[in-house]
Protein backbone atom coordinates (compact mmCIF):
# COMPACT_ATOMS: atom_id res chain seq x y z
CA UNK A 1 44.40 -54.96 -170.56
CA UNK A 2 43.10 -51.76 -169.30
CA UNK A 3 41.23 -50.96 -164.90
CA UNK A 4 38.84 -49.06 -165.96
CA UNK A 5 38.15 -45.83 -163.11
CA UNK A 6 35.51 -45.69 -160.55
CA UNK A 7 34.24 -42.24 -159.89
CA UNK A 8 32.58 -41.51 -157.21
CA UNK A 9 31.21 -38.08 -155.90
CA UNK A 10 30.22 -37.94 -151.83
CA UNK A 11 28.01 -35.61 -150.29
CA UNK A 12 30.02 -33.20 -148.41
CA UNK A 13 26.13 -31.56 -146.22
CA UNK A 14 26.53 -35.02 -144.67
CA UNK A 15 24.21 -34.94 -141.58
CA UNK A 16 22.24 -37.71 -140.42
CA UNK A 17 19.64 -35.14 -138.03
CA UNK A 18 18.73 -33.44 -141.84
CA UNK A 19 17.87 -36.71 -143.07
CA UNK A 20 21.06 -37.14 -144.73
CA UNK A 21 22.71 -40.84 -145.45
CA UNK A 22 25.87 -41.17 -143.73
CA UNK A 23 26.61 -43.45 -146.99
CA UNK A 24 25.33 -40.66 -150.03
CA UNK A 25 27.29 -41.07 -152.51
CA UNK A 26 26.74 -40.12 -156.50
CA UNK A 27 28.09 -42.14 -158.85
CA UNK A 28 26.75 -42.83 -162.76
CA UNK A 29 25.73 -46.09 -164.80
CA UNK A 30 27.32 -45.21 -167.38
CA UNK A 31 31.09 -44.49 -168.13
CA UNK A 32 32.53 -41.33 -167.47
CA UNK A 33 35.46 -39.93 -167.59
CA UNK A 34 36.01 -37.08 -165.74
CA UNK A 35 34.37 -35.44 -162.02
CA UNK A 36 32.97 -32.87 -163.77
CA UNK A 37 30.82 -35.05 -166.29
CA UNK A 38 29.42 -37.13 -162.97
CA UNK A 39 28.89 -33.85 -161.52
CA UNK A 40 27.10 -33.26 -164.72
CA UNK A 41 24.91 -36.73 -164.95
CA UNK A 42 24.08 -35.89 -161.13
CA UNK A 43 23.10 -32.34 -161.48
CA UNK A 44 20.82 -33.41 -164.23
CA UNK A 45 19.42 -36.69 -163.25
CA UNK A 46 19.50 -37.16 -159.25
CA UNK A 47 19.05 -33.78 -158.83
CA UNK A 48 22.17 -33.03 -156.80
CA UNK A 49 23.67 -29.59 -156.92
CA UNK A 50 27.24 -27.49 -156.25
CA UNK A 51 27.14 -24.60 -154.30
CA UNK A 52 30.37 -23.09 -152.91
CA UNK A 53 32.87 -26.20 -153.68
CA UNK A 54 30.81 -28.53 -152.15
CA UNK A 55 28.73 -30.99 -153.41
CA UNK A 56 25.25 -31.99 -152.15
CA UNK A 57 23.15 -34.53 -152.22
CA UNK A 58 19.28 -33.86 -153.31
CA UNK A 59 18.59 -33.81 -149.91
CA UNK A 60 20.87 -31.81 -148.76
CA UNK A 61 19.76 -29.63 -151.73
CA UNK A 62 16.47 -29.23 -149.89
CA UNK A 63 17.72 -28.67 -146.97
CA UNK A 64 19.67 -25.84 -147.81
CA UNK A 65 17.10 -23.85 -149.78
């Protein structure tokens, strides 16, 4: 029996004043093995970006533009 890991990426731009929810987290409904795969899914499907070593949710991405 093996344990499964549940990978989560949290938004680094969490700013409630900018509209980003405090609990902005990204996860994938399909199994992923690495955070790189998870970030790829979040970028392609959910609109997340990674800028200067910061993960930004789609709300913070729009504010950062």
